[in-house]
Amino acid sequence: MKAVITVIGKDKVGIIAEVSGFLAKKSVNILDISQTIMQDMFCMIMLVEFRDDDTVISDISGQLTELGKRMGLSIHLQREELFQSMHRI
């Protein structure tokens, strides 16, 4: 299953390392990543794939939200099909 992760917040050292390290520990594969800095705001979108069908996406989503809070960031995870349907014109 694929999902989209968004990360937004004040730029600081280690954001990509922390988020990607968390995903690696959960056996989540990063398929694509785009990040930019807008003034002092860090913005990243990741397309990820869950290799394990038993992975409960709500558990990972909650853990990412908590990681974001600890880092002073907004981190959200959505299933790819939900993300696609919400952003169709």
PDB file of N, CA and C in Angstrom:
ATOM      1  N   MET A   1       0.835  -1.171   0.000  1.00  0.00           N
ATOM      2  CA  MET A   1       0.000   0.000   0.000  1.00  0.00           C
ATOM      3  C   MET A   1       0.885   1.242   0.000  1.00  0.00           C
ATOM      4  N   LYS A   2       0.462   2.250  -0.753  1.00  0.00           N
ATOM      5  CA  LYS A   2       1.203   3.509  -0.822  1.00  0.00           C
ATOM      6  C   LYS A   2       0.489   4.592  -0.031  1.00  0.00           C
ATOM      7  N   ALA A   3       1.283   5.572   0.429  1.00  0.00           N
ATOM      8  CA  ALA A   3       0.744   6.694   1.185  1.00  0.00           C
ATOM      9  C   ALA A   3       1.581   7.937   0.917  1.00  0.00           C
ATOM     10  N   VAL A   4       1.011   9.090   1.262  1.00  0.00           N
ATOM     11  CA  VAL A   4       1.689  10.375   1.111  1.00  0.00           C
ATOM     12  C   VAL A   4       1.896  10.958   2.508  1.00  0.00           C
ATOM     13  N   ILE A   5       3.128  11.385   2.762  1.00  0.00           N
ATOM     14  CA  ILE A   5       3.463  12.026   4.035  1.00  0.00           C
ATOM     15  C   ILE A   5       3.865  13.462   3.747  1.00  0.00           C
ATOM     16  N   THR A   6       3.279  14.407   4.484  1.00  0.00           N
ATOM     17  CA  THR A   6       3.671  15.806   4.358  1.00  0.00           C
ATOM     18  C   THR A   6       4.308  16.248   5.679  1.00  0.00           C
ATOM     19  N   VAL A   7       5.357  17.052   5.559  1.00  0.00           N
ATOM     20  CA  VAL A   7       6.075  17.574   6.729  1.00  0.00           C
ATOM     21  C   VAL A   7       6.263  19.069   6.512  1.00  0.00           C
ATOM     22  N   ILE A   8       5.787  19.865   7.459  1.00  0.00           N
ATOM     23  CA  ILE A   8       5.888  21.323   7.343  1.00  0.00           C
ATOM     24  C   ILE A   8       6.277  21.900   8.700  1.00  0.00           C
ATOM     25  N   GLY A   9       7.191  22.845   8.689  1.00  0.00           N
ATOM     26  CA  GLY A   9       7.567  23.516   9.922  1.00  0.00           C
ATOM     27  C   GLY A   9       8.817  24.355   9.745  1.00  0.00           C
ATOM     28  N   LYS A  10       9.219  25.004  10.807  1.00  0.00           N
ATOM     29  CA  LYS A  10      10.419  25.840  10.772  1.00  0.00           C
ATOM     30  C   LYS A  10      11.631  24.963  10.462  1.00  0.00           C
ATOM     31  N   ASP A  11      12.458  25.406   9.533  1.00  0.00           N
ATOM     32  CA  ASP A  11      13.617  24.633   9.105  1.00  0.00           C
ATOM     33  C   ASP A  11      14.632  24.502  10.233  1.00  0.00           C
ATOM     34  N   LYS A  12      15.188  23.295  10.353  1.00  0.00           N
ATOM     35  CA  LYS A  12      16.281  23.047  11.295  1.00  0.00           C
ATOM     36  C   LYS A  12      17.014  21.792  10.845  1.00  0.00           C
ATOM     37  N   VAL A  13      18.174  21.590  11.353  1.00  0.00           N
ATOM     38  CA  VAL A  13      19.012  20.447  11.003  1.00  0.00           C
ATOM     39  C   VAL A  13      18.366  19.146  11.470  1.00  0.00           C
ATOM     40  N   GLY A  14      18.374  18.123  10.601  1.00  0.00           N
ATOM     41  CA  GLY A  14      17.988  16.778  11.002  1.00  0.00           C
ATOM     42  C   GLY A  14      16.570  16.349  10.718  1.00  0.00           C
ATOM     43  N   ILE A  15      15.769  17.189  10.092  1.00  0.00           N
ATOM     44  CA  ILE A  15      14.373  16.820   9.844  1.00  0.00           C
ATOM     45  C   ILE A  15      14.287  15.582   8.950  1.00  0.00           C
ATOM     46  N   ILE A  16      14.959  15.612   7.814  1.00  0.00           N
ATOM     47  CA  ILE A  16      14.892  14.473   6.889  1.00  0.00           C
ATOM     48  C   ILE A  16      15.457  13.225   7.560  1.00  0.00           C
ATOM     49  N   ALA A  17      16.549  13.359   8.267  1.00  0.00           N
ATOM     50  CA  ALA A  17      17.165  12.212   8.943  1.00  0.00           C
ATOM     51  C   ALA A  17      16.217  11.605   9.974  1.00  0.00           C
ATOM     52  N   GLU A  18      15.569  12.436  10.748  1.00  0.00           N
ATOM     53  CA  GLU A  18      14.669  11.950  11.800  1.00  0.00           C
ATOM     54  C   GLU A  18      13.454  11.237  11.211  1.00  0.00           C
ATOM     55  N   VAL A  19      12.823  11.852  10.216  1.00  0.00           N
ATOM     56  CA  VAL A  19      11.621  11.263   9.618  1.00  0.00           C
ATOM     57  C   VAL A  19      11.972   9.989   8.846  1.00  0.00           C
ATOM     58  N   SER A  20      13.018  10.035   8.039  1.00  0.00           N
ATOM     59  CA  SER A  20      13.382   8.849   7.264  1.00  0.00           C
ATOM     60  C   SER A  20      13.881   7.722   8.180  1.00  0.00           C
ATOM     61  N   GLY A  21      14.556   8.056   9.263  1.00  0.00           N
ATOM     62  CA  GLY A  21      14.991   7.053  10.230  1.00  0.00           C
ATOM     63  C   GLY A  21      13.809   6.365  10.892  1.00  0.00           C
ATOM     64  N   PHE A  22      12.801   7.148  11.252  1.00  0.00           N
ATOM     65  CA  PHE A  22      11.574   6.586  11.823  1.00  0.00           C
ATOM     66  C   PHE A  22      10.930   5.606  10.845  1.00  0.00           C
ATOM     67  N   LEU A  23      10.818   6.035   9.577  1.00  0.00           N
ATOM     68  CA  LEU A  23      10.193   5.182   8.562  1.00  0.00           C
ATOM     69  C   LEU A  23      10.986   3.901   8.344  1.00  0.00           C
ATOM     70  N   ALA A  24      12.296   3.991   8.342  1.00  0.00           N
ATOM     71  CA  ALA A  24      13.138   2.805   8.157  1.00  0.00           C
ATOM     72  C   ALA A  24      12.901   1.798   9.276  1.00  0.00           C
ATOM     73  N   LYS A  25      12.773   2.277  10.512  1.00  0.00           N
ATOM     74  CA  LYS A  25      12.526   1.381  11.648  1.00  0.00           C
ATOM     75  C   LYS A  25      11.179   0.670  11.521  1.00  0.00           C
ATOM     76  N   LYS A  26      10.244   1.286  10.814  1.00  0.00           N
ATOM     77  CA  LYS A  26       8.913   0.708  10.616  1.00  0.00           C
ATOM     78  C   LYS A  26       8.817  -0.084   9.308  1.00  0.00           C
ATOM     79  N   SER A  27       9.947  -0.254   8.616  1.00  0.00           N
ATOM     80  CA  SER A  27      10.010  -0.970   7.322  1.00  0.00           C
ATOM     81  C   SER A  27       9.138  -0.315   6.254  1.00  0.00           C
ATOM     82  N   VAL A  28       9.091   1.019   6.279  1.00  0.00           N
ATOM     83  CA  VAL A  28       8.357   1.787   5.269  1.00  0.00           C
ATOM     84  C   VAL A  28       9.374   2.278   4.246  1.00  0.00           C
ATOM     85  N   ASN A  29       9.139   1.959   2.975  1.00  0.00           N
ATOM     86  CA  ASN A  29      10.054   2.324   1.895  1.00  0.00           C
ATOM     87  C   ASN A  29       9.691   3.695   1.326  1.00  0.00           C
ATOM     88  N   ILE A  30      10.672   4.571   1.178  1.00  0.00           N
ATOM     89  CA  ILE A  30      10.455   5.884   0.554  1.00  0.00           C
ATOM     90  C   ILE A  30      10.635   5.720  -0.949  1.00  0.00           C
ATOM     91  N   LEU A  31       9.550   5.960  -1.699  1.00  0.00           N
ATOM     92  CA  LEU A  31       9.583   5.826  -3.155  1.00  0.00           C
ATOM     93  C   LEU A  31      10.007   7.117  -3.836  1.00  0.00           C
ATOM     94  N   ASP A  32       9.572   8.242  -3.294  1.00  0.00           N
ATOM     95  CA  ASP A  32       9.892   9.543  -3.880  1.00  0.00           C
ATOM     96  C   ASP A  32       9.838  10.576  -2.770  1.00  0.00           C
ATOM     97  N   ILE A  33      10.651  11.602  -2.921  1.00  0.00           N
ATOM     98  CA  ILE A  33      10.700  12.653  -1.907  1.00  0.00           C
ATOM     99  C   ILE A  33      10.985  13.987  -2.588  1.00  0.00           C
ATOM    100  N   SER A  34      10.273  15.007  -2.140  1.00  0.00           N
ATOM    101  CA  SER A  34      10.500  16.355  -2.629  1.00  0.00           C
ATOM    102  C   SER A  34      10.495  17.272  -1.417  1.00  0.00           C
ATOM    103  N   GLN A  35      11.502  18.119  -1.345  1.00  0.00           N
ATOM    104  CA  GLN A  35      11.549  19.060  -0.220  1.00  0.00           C
ATOM    105  C   GLN A  35      12.087  20.387  -0.697  1.00  0.00           C
ATOM    106  N   THR A  36      11.633  21.424  -0.020  1.00  0.00           N
ATOM    107  CA  THR A  36      12.099  22.770  -0.327  1.00  0.00           C
ATOM    108  C   THR A  36      12.049  23.608   0.941  1.00  0.00           C
ATOM    109  N   ILE A  37      12.770  24.699   0.915  1.00  0.00           N
ATOM    110  CA  ILE A  37      12.732  25.677   2.002  1.00  0.00           C
ATOM    111  C   ILE A  37      12.104  26.945   1.429  1.00  0.00           C
ATOM    112  N   MET A  38      11.020  27.397   2.032  1.00  0.00           N
ATOM    113  CA  MET A  38      10.349  28.628   1.621  1.00  0.00           C
ATOM    114  C   MET A  38      10.573  29.641   2.743  1.00  0.00           C
ATOM    115  N   GLN A  39      11.497  30.589   2.487  1.00  0.00           N
ATOM    116  CA  GLN A  39      11.999  31.495   3.516  1.00  0.00           C
ATOM    117  C   GLN A  39      12.588  30.636   4.622  1.00  0.00           C
ATOM    118  N   ASP A  40      11.999  30.563   5.796  1.00  0.00           N
ATOM    119  CA  ASP A  40      12.569  29.697   6.843  1.00  0.00           C
ATOM    120  C   ASP A  40      11.676  28.492   7.151  1.00  0.00           C
ATOM    121  N   MET A  41      10.742  28.202   6.233  1.00  0.00           N
ATOM    122  CA  MET A  41       9.820  27.079   6.420  1.00  0.00           C
ATOM    123  C   MET A  41      10.263  25.863   5.601  1.00  0.00           C
ATOM    124  N   PHE A  42      10.365  24.726   6.250  1.00  0.00           N
ATOM    125  CA  PHE A  42      10.705  23.460   5.617  1.00  0.00           C
ATOM    126  C   PHE A  42       9.418  22.803   5.145  1.00  0.00           C
ATOM    127  N   CYS A  43       9.393  22.373   3.869  1.00  0.00           N
ATOM    128  CA  CYS A  43       8.220  21.716   3.293  1.00  0.00           C
ATOM    129  C   CYS A  43       8.678  20.450   2.570  1.00  0.00           C
ATOM    130  N   MET A  44       8.090  19.311   2.937  1.00  0.00           N
ATOM    131  CA  MET A  44       8.486  18.046   2.317  1.00  0.00           C
ATOM    132  C   MET A  44       7.246  17.198   2.046  1.00  0.00           C
ATOM    133  N   ILE A  45       7.264  16.534   0.890  1.00  0.00           N
ATOM    134  CA  ILE A  45       6.242  15.555   0.542  1.00  0.00           C
ATOM    135  C   ILE A  45       6.968  14.269   0.192  1.00  0.00           C
ATOM    136  N   MET A  46       6.497  13.163   0.773  1.00  0.00           N
ATOM    137  CA  MET A  46       7.092  11.858   0.509  1.00  0.00           C
ATOM    138  C   MET A  46       6.012  10.903   0.009  1.00  0.00           C
ATOM    139  N   LEU A  47       6.355  10.113  -0.996  1.00  0.00           N
ATOM    140  CA  LEU A  47       5.512   8.999  -1.401  1.00  0.00           C
ATOM    141  C   LEU A  47       6.174   7.760  -0.820  1.00  0.00           C
ATOM    142  N   VAL A  48       5.444   7.025   0.005  1.00  0.00           N
ATOM    143  CA  VAL A  48       6.014   5.864   0.685  1.00  0.00           C
ATOM    144  C   VAL A  48       5.183   4.621   0.392  1.00  0.00           C
ATOM    145  N   GLU A  49       5.811   3.473   0.652  1.00  0.00           N
ATOM    146  CA  GLU A  49       5.126   2.208   0.440  1.00  0.00           C
ATOM    147  C   GLU A  49       5.295   1.338   1.680  1.00  0.00           C
ATOM    148  N   PHE A  50       4.189   0.816   2.151  1.00  0.00           N
ATOM    149  CA  PHE A  50       4.197  -0.116   3.266  1.00  0.00           C
ATOM    150  C   PHE A  50       4.349  -1.516   2.703  1.00  0.00           C
ATOM    151  N   ARG A  51       5.426  -2.183   3.048  1.00  0.00           N
ATOM    152  CA  ARG A  51       5.684  -3.525   2.523  1.00  0.00           C
ATOM    153  C   ARG A  51       4.870  -4.580   3.255  1.00  0.00           C
ATOM    154  N   ASP A  52       4.563  -4.316   4.492  1.00  0.00           N
ATOM    155  CA  ASP A  52       3.853  -5.279   5.319  1.00  0.00           C
ATOM    156  C   ASP A  52       2.359  -4.946   5.299  1.00  0.00           C
ATOM    157  N   ASP A  53       1.553  -5.861   4.777  1.00  0.00           N
ATOM    158  CA  ASP A  53       0.113  -5.621   4.701  1.00  0.00           C
ATOM    159  C   ASP A  53      -0.542  -5.544   6.075  1.00  0.00           C
ATOM    160  N   ASP A  54       0.145  -6.032   7.104  1.00  0.00           N
ATOM    161  CA  ASP A  54      -0.407  -6.001   8.453  1.00  0.00           C
ATOM    162  C   ASP A  54      -0.188  -4.662   9.143  1.00  0.00           C
ATOM    163  N   THR A  55       0.571  -3.773   8.515  1.00  0.00           N
ATOM    164  CA  THR A  55       0.836  -2.460   9.102  1.00  0.00           C
ATOM    165  C   THR A  55      -0.480  -1.697   9.250  1.00  0.00           C
ATOM    166  N   VAL A  56      -0.727  -1.210  10.428  1.00  0.00           N
ATOM    167  CA  VAL A  56      -1.931  -0.417  10.676  1.00  0.00           C
ATOM    168  C   VAL A  56      -1.567   1.045  10.446  1.00  0.00           C
ATOM    169  N   ILE A  57      -2.106   1.597   9.358  1.00  0.00           N
ATOM    170  CA  ILE A  57      -1.724   2.949   8.951  1.00  0.00           C
ATOM    171  C   ILE A  57      -2.072   3.983  10.023  1.00  0.00           C
ATOM    172  N   SER A  58      -3.150   3.766  10.769  1.00  0.00           N
ATOM    173  CA  SER A  58      -3.519   4.730  11.811  1.00  0.00           C
ATOM    174  C   SER A  58      -2.478   4.751  12.942  1.00  0.00           C
ATOM    175  N   ASP A  59      -1.861   3.602  13.236  1.00  0.00           N
ATOM    176  CA  ASP A  59      -0.810   3.568  14.259  1.00  0.00           C
ATOM    177  C   ASP A  59       0.405   4.376  13.820  1.00  0.00           C
ATOM    178  N   ILE A  60       0.838   4.149  12.576  1.00  0.00           N
ATOM    179  CA  ILE A  60       1.993   4.878  12.039  1.00  0.00           C
ATOM    180  C   ILE A  60       1.677   6.370  11.962  1.00  0.00           C
ATOM    181  N   SER A  61       0.461   6.689  11.518  1.00  0.00           N
ATOM    182  CA  SER A  61       0.051   8.088  11.407  1.00  0.00           C
ATOM    183  C   SER A  61       0.120   8.782  12.765  1.00  0.00           C
ATOM    184  N   GLY A  62      -0.389   8.133  13.792  1.00  0.00           N
ATOM    185  CA  GLY A  62      -0.352   8.705  15.138  1.00  0.00           C
ATOM    186  C   GLY A  62       1.068   8.885  15.642  1.00  0.00           C
ATOM    187  N   GLN A  63       1.925   7.917  15.345  1.00  0.00           N
ATOM    188  CA  GLN A  63       3.319   8.015  15.768  1.00  0.00           C
ATOM    189  C   GLN A  63       4.039   9.144  15.034  1.00  0.00           C
ATOM    190  N   LEU A  64       3.720   9.337  13.749  1.00  0.00           N
ATOM    191  CA  LEU A  64       4.306  10.450  12.999  1.00  0.00           C
ATOM    192  C   LEU A  64       3.819  11.793  13.540  1.00  0.00           C
ATOM    193  N   THR A  65       2.546  11.860  13.913  1.00  0.00           N
ATOM    194  CA  THR A  65       2.008  13.088  14.508  1.00  0.00           C
ATOM    195  C   THR A  65       2.754  13.417  15.794  1.00  0.00           C
ATOM    196  N   GLU A  66       2.989  12.404  16.623  1.00  0.00           N
ATOM    197  CA  GLU A  66       3.731  12.606  17.868  1.00  0.00           C
ATOM    198  C   GLU A  66       5.179  13.023  17.600  1.00  0.00           C
ATOM    199  N   LEU A  67       5.811  12.388  16.618  1.00  0.00           N
ATOM    200  CA  LEU A  67       7.169  12.778  16.231  1.00  0.00           C
ATOM    201  C   LEU A  67       7.197  14.249  15.820  1.00  0.00           C
ATOM    202  N   GLY A  68       6.202  14.642  15.025  1.00  0.00           N
ATOM    203  CA  GLY A  68       6.101  16.041  14.603  1.00  0.00           C
ATOM    204  C   GLY A  68       5.966  16.996  15.772  1.00  0.00           C
ATOM    205  N   LYS A  69       5.150  16.636  16.742  1.00  0.00           N
ATOM    206  CA  LYS A  69       4.974  17.492  17.922  1.00  0.00           C
ATOM    207  C   LYS A  69       6.294  17.667  18.670  1.00  0.00           C
ATOM    208  N   ARG A  70       7.026  16.558  18.838  1.00  0.00           N
ATOM    209  CA  ARG A  70       8.310  16.630  19.537  1.00  0.00           C
ATOM    210  C   ARG A  70       9.310  17.505  18.781  1.00  0.00           C
ATOM    211  N   MET A  71       9.199  17.515  17.448  1.00  0.00           N
ATOM    212  CA  MET A  71      10.149  18.273  16.633  1.00  0.00           C
ATOM    213  C   MET A  71       9.640  19.669  16.284  1.00  0.00           C
ATOM    214  N   GLY A  72       8.426  20.012  16.674  1.00  0.00           N
ATOM    215  CA  GLY A  72       7.858  21.314  16.343  1.00  0.00           C
ATOM    216  C   GLY A  72       7.419  21.390  14.887  1.00  0.00           C
ATOM    217  N   LEU A  73       6.966  20.252  14.336  1.00  0.00           N
ATOM    218  CA  LEU A  73       6.555  20.169  12.932  1.00  0.00           C
ATOM    219  C   LEU A  73       5.134  19.653  12.825  1.00  0.00           C
ATOM    220  N   SER A  74       4.543  19.852  11.669  1.00  0.00           N
ATOM    221  CA  SER A  74       3.269  19.242  11.332  1.00  0.00           C
ATOM    222  C   SER A  74       3.557  18.090  10.372  1.00  0.00           C
ATOM    223  N   ILE A  75       3.272  16.856  10.793  1.00  0.00           N
ATOM    224  CA  ILE A  75       3.499  15.686   9.952  1.00  0.00           C
ATOM    225  C   ILE A  75       2.173  14.952   9.788  1.00  0.00           C
ATOM    226  N   HIS A  76       1.783  14.740   8.528  1.00  0.00           N
ATOM    227  CA  HIS A  76       0.518  14.052   8.235  1.00  0.00           C
ATOM    228  C   HIS A  76       0.752  12.928   7.243  1.00  0.00           C
ATOM    229  N   LEU A  77       0.014  11.850   7.416  1.00  0.00           N
ATOM    230  CA  LEU A  77       0.084  10.702   6.528  1.00  0.00           C
ATOM    231  C   LEU A  77      -1.317  10.407   5.998  1.00  0.00           C
ATOM    232  N   GLN A  78      -1.421  10.197   4.688  1.00  0.00           N
ATOM    233  CA  GLN A  78      -2.689   9.818   4.068  1.00  0.00           C
ATOM    234  C   GLN A  78      -2.445   8.694   3.072  1.00  0.00           C
ATOM    235  N   ARG A  79      -3.382   7.771   2.991  1.00  0.00           N
ATOM    236  CA  ARG A  79      -3.304   6.761   1.935  1.00  0.00           C
ATOM    237  C   ARG A  79      -3.278   7.466   0.583  1.00  0.00           C
ATOM    238  N   GLU A  80      -2.541   6.909  -0.359  1.00  0.00           N
ATOM    239  CA  GLU A  80      -2.399   7.541  -1.670  1.00  0.00           C
ATOM    240  C   GLU A  80      -3.745   7.754  -2.343  1.00  0.00           C
ATOM    241  N   GLU A  81      -4.630   6.779  -2.296  1.00  0.00           N
ATOM    242  CA  GLU A  81      -5.923   6.928  -2.982  1.00  0.00           C
ATOM    243  C   GLU A  81      -6.773   8.028  -2.357  1.00  0.00           C
ATOM    244  N   LEU A  82      -6.692   8.208  -1.045  1.00  0.00           N
ATOM    245  CA  LEU A  82      -7.417   9.300  -0.400  1.00  0.00           C
ATOM    246  C   LEU A  82      -6.816  10.637  -0.797  1.00  0.00           C
ATOM    247  N   PHE A  83      -5.482  10.719  -0.778  1.00  0.00           N
ATOM    248  CA  PHE A  83      -4.800  11.946  -1.187  1.00  0.00           C
ATOM    249  C   PHE A  83      -5.171  12.319  -2.623  1.00  0.00           C
ATOM    250  N   GLN A  84      -5.151  11.334  -3.526  1.00  0.00           N
ATOM    251  CA  GLN A  84      -5.481  11.579  -4.940  1.00  0.00           C
ATOM    252  C   GLN A  84      -6.918  12.060  -5.095  1.00  0.00           C
ATOM    253  N   SER A  85      -7.856  11.430  -4.413  1.00  0.00           N
ATOM    254  CA  SER A  85      -9.264  11.818  -4.557  1.00  0.00           C
ATOM    255  C   SER A  85      -9.532  13.204  -3.988  1.00  0.00           C
ATOM    256  N   MET A  86      -8.809  13.595  -2.946  1.00  0.00           N
ATOM    257  CA  MET A  86      -9.004  14.919  -2.360  1.00  0.00           C
ATOM    258  C   MET A  86      -8.420  16.024  -3.222  1.00  0.00           C
ATOM    259  N   HIS A  87      -7.461  15.701  -4.092  1.00  0.00           N
ATOM    260  CA  HIS A  87      -6.769  16.730  -4.852  1.00  0.00           C
ATOM    261  C   HIS A  87      -7.053  16.661  -6.353  1.00  0.00           C
ATOM    262  N   ARG A  88      -8.165  16.044  -6.708  1.00  0.00           N
ATOM    263  CA  ARG A  88      -8.576  16.037  -8.115  1.00  0.00           C
ATOM    264  C   ARG A  88      -9.353  17.289  -8.433  1.00  0.00           C
ATOM    265  N   ILE A  89      -9.173  17.768  -9.646  1.00  0.00           N
ATOM    266  CA  ILE A  89      -9.914  18.958 -10.084  1.00  0.00           C
ATOM    267  C   ILE A  89     -11.178  18.516 -10.785  1.00  0.00           C
TER     268      ILE A  89
END
